[in-house]
Amino acid sequence: MEQPNRSYIDSLCRGDKVFENKLISVIKTEFPTEKEVYYNALKAKNVQEIAEAVHKLKHKISILGLEKGYALAAQYENDIRDEKFDHSQSFEEILDIMTEYLKTL
């Protein structure tokens, strides 16, 4: 399974520690809320809200260097609009990996 990394963050920040800390802080603040919105929408079976939550989370996936994860999230987002949830387990595994990784930052 692909692992999160800081390569995109490092290239984006170019050594600017203040910007890096702000970016990481935003991710650590927003990610748990967005993840909760996703699970609540899934529980409520609200297709539009699920797709919107995946869309927002997809960007966090990208920032944490998960290229394959981003592609999976993009596919899952499109599938959700057709009420197909085949990628939900893989997507949720990515969320779990990200949750653990963010604890280390």
Protein backbone atom coordinates (compact mmCIF):
# COMPACT_ATOMS: atom_id res chain seq x y z
CA MET A 1 0.00 0.00 0.00
CA GLU A 2 1.21 3.46 -0.90
CA GLN A 3 2.42 5.52 2.05
CA PRO A 4 1.95 9.26 2.70
CA ASN A 5 5.00 11.44 2.43
CA ARG A 6 6.12 15.04 2.62
CA SER A 7 7.59 15.36 -0.88
CA TYR A 8 4.82 17.59 -2.23
CA ILE A 9 4.75 19.68 0.96
CA ASP A 10 8.54 20.08 0.85
CA SER A 11 8.52 21.11 -2.81
CA LEU A 12 5.67 23.53 -2.24
CA CYS A 13 7.20 25.15 0.83
CA ARG A 14 10.81 25.29 -0.46
CA GLY A 15 12.24 25.44 3.03
CA ASP A 16 9.80 28.08 4.32
CA LYS A 17 9.14 26.58 7.77
CA VAL A 18 6.42 29.11 8.64
CA PHE A 19 4.44 28.22 5.51
CA GLU A 20 5.12 24.53 6.04
CA ASN A 21 3.82 24.66 9.61
CA LYS A 22 0.69 26.55 8.51
CA LEU A 23 0.00 24.06 5.72
CA ILE A 24 0.43 21.08 8.01
CA SER A 25 -1.73 22.75 10.65
CA VAL A 26 -4.52 23.34 8.13
CA ILE A 27 -4.37 19.72 6.98
CA LYS A 28 -4.37 18.39 10.54
CA THR A 29 -7.32 20.63 11.43
CA GLU A 30 -9.46 20.08 8.34
CA PHE A 31 -8.82 16.39 7.67
CA PRO A 32 -10.61 14.93 10.73
CA THR A 33 -13.65 17.13 10.11
CA GLU A 34 -13.80 16.25 6.41
CA LYS A 35 -13.40 12.57 7.24
CA GLU A 36 -16.26 12.80 9.72
CA VAL A 37 -18.46 14.54 7.12
CA TYR A 38 -17.70 11.69 4.72
CA TYR A 39 -18.69 8.98 7.20
CA ASN A 40 -21.82 10.87 8.28
CA ALA A 41 -22.91 11.34 4.66
CA LEU A 42 -22.22 7.66 3.99
CA LYS A 43 -24.32 6.68 6.99
CA ALA A 44 -27.14 8.97 5.79
CA LYS A 45 -26.76 7.60 2.24
CA ASN A 46 -26.59 11.16 0.90
CA VAL A 47 -24.90 10.61 -2.45
CA GLN A 48 -24.22 14.29 -3.15
CA GLU A 49 -22.65 14.89 0.27
CA ILE A 50 -20.55 11.74 -0.02
CA ALA A 51 -19.20 12.89 -3.39
CA GLU A 52 -18.48 16.38 -2.04
CA ALA A 53 -16.65 14.94 0.97
CA VAL A 54 -14.55 12.67 -1.25
CA HIS A 55 -13.77 15.66 -3.47
CA LYS A 56 -12.43 17.64 -0.51
CA LEU A 57 -10.50 14.70 0.91
CA LYS A 58 -9.02 13.97 -2.50
CA HIS A 59 -6.97 17.16 -2.28
CA LYS A 60 -5.53 16.20 1.11
CA ILE A 61 -4.63 12.82 -0.37
CA SER A 62 -2.71 14.59 -3.12
CA ILE A 63 -0.90 16.94 -0.74
CA LEU A 64 0.31 13.94 1.24
CA GLY A 65 1.91 12.49 -1.89
CA LEU A 66 -0.51 9.63 -2.44
CA GLU A 67 -0.63 9.65 -6.24
CA LYS A 68 -2.37 6.29 -6.60
CA GLY A 69 -4.66 7.23 -3.73
CA TYR A 70 -5.59 10.44 -5.53
CA ALA A 71 -6.43 8.51 -8.70
CA LEU A 72 -8.55 6.07 -6.69
CA ALA A 73 -10.35 8.95 -4.93
CA ALA A 74 -11.05 10.63 -8.28
CA GLN A 75 -12.50 7.39 -9.66
CA TYR A 76 -14.50 6.82 -6.47
CA GLU A 77 -15.88 10.38 -6.64
CA ASN A 78 -17.09 9.78 -10.21
CA ASP A 79 -18.52 6.37 -9.32
CA ILE A 80 -20.43 7.79 -6.35
CA ARG A 81 -22.39 10.06 -8.68
CA ASP A 82 -23.58 6.85 -10.38
CA GLU A 83 -24.29 5.38 -6.93
CA LYS A 84 -21.46 2.87 -7.23
CA PHE A 85 -19.47 2.32 -4.06
CA ASP A 86 -17.02 -0.38 -5.19
CA HIS A 87 -14.00 1.69 -4.13
CA SER A 88 -15.27 2.61 -0.67
CA GLN A 89 -13.14 0.08 1.22
CA SER A 90 -9.93 1.10 -0.55
CA PHE A 91 -10.75 4.78 -0.07
CA GLU A 92 -11.38 4.26 3.63
CA GLU A 93 -8.08 2.38 3.97
CA ILE A 94 -6.36 5.48 2.56
CA LEU A 95 -8.17 7.62 5.15
CA ASP A 96 -6.93 5.30 7.91
CA ILE A 97 -3.35 5.50 6.65
CA MET A 98 -3.57 9.28 6.47
CA THR A 99 -4.98 9.47 10.00
CA GLU A 100 -2.02 7.54 11.36
CA TYR A 101 0.49 9.53 9.29
CA LEU A 102 -0.87 12.89 10.45
CA LYS A 103 -0.21 11.82 14.05
CA THR A 104 3.49 11.77 13.20
CA LEU A 105 3.62 15.32 11.84
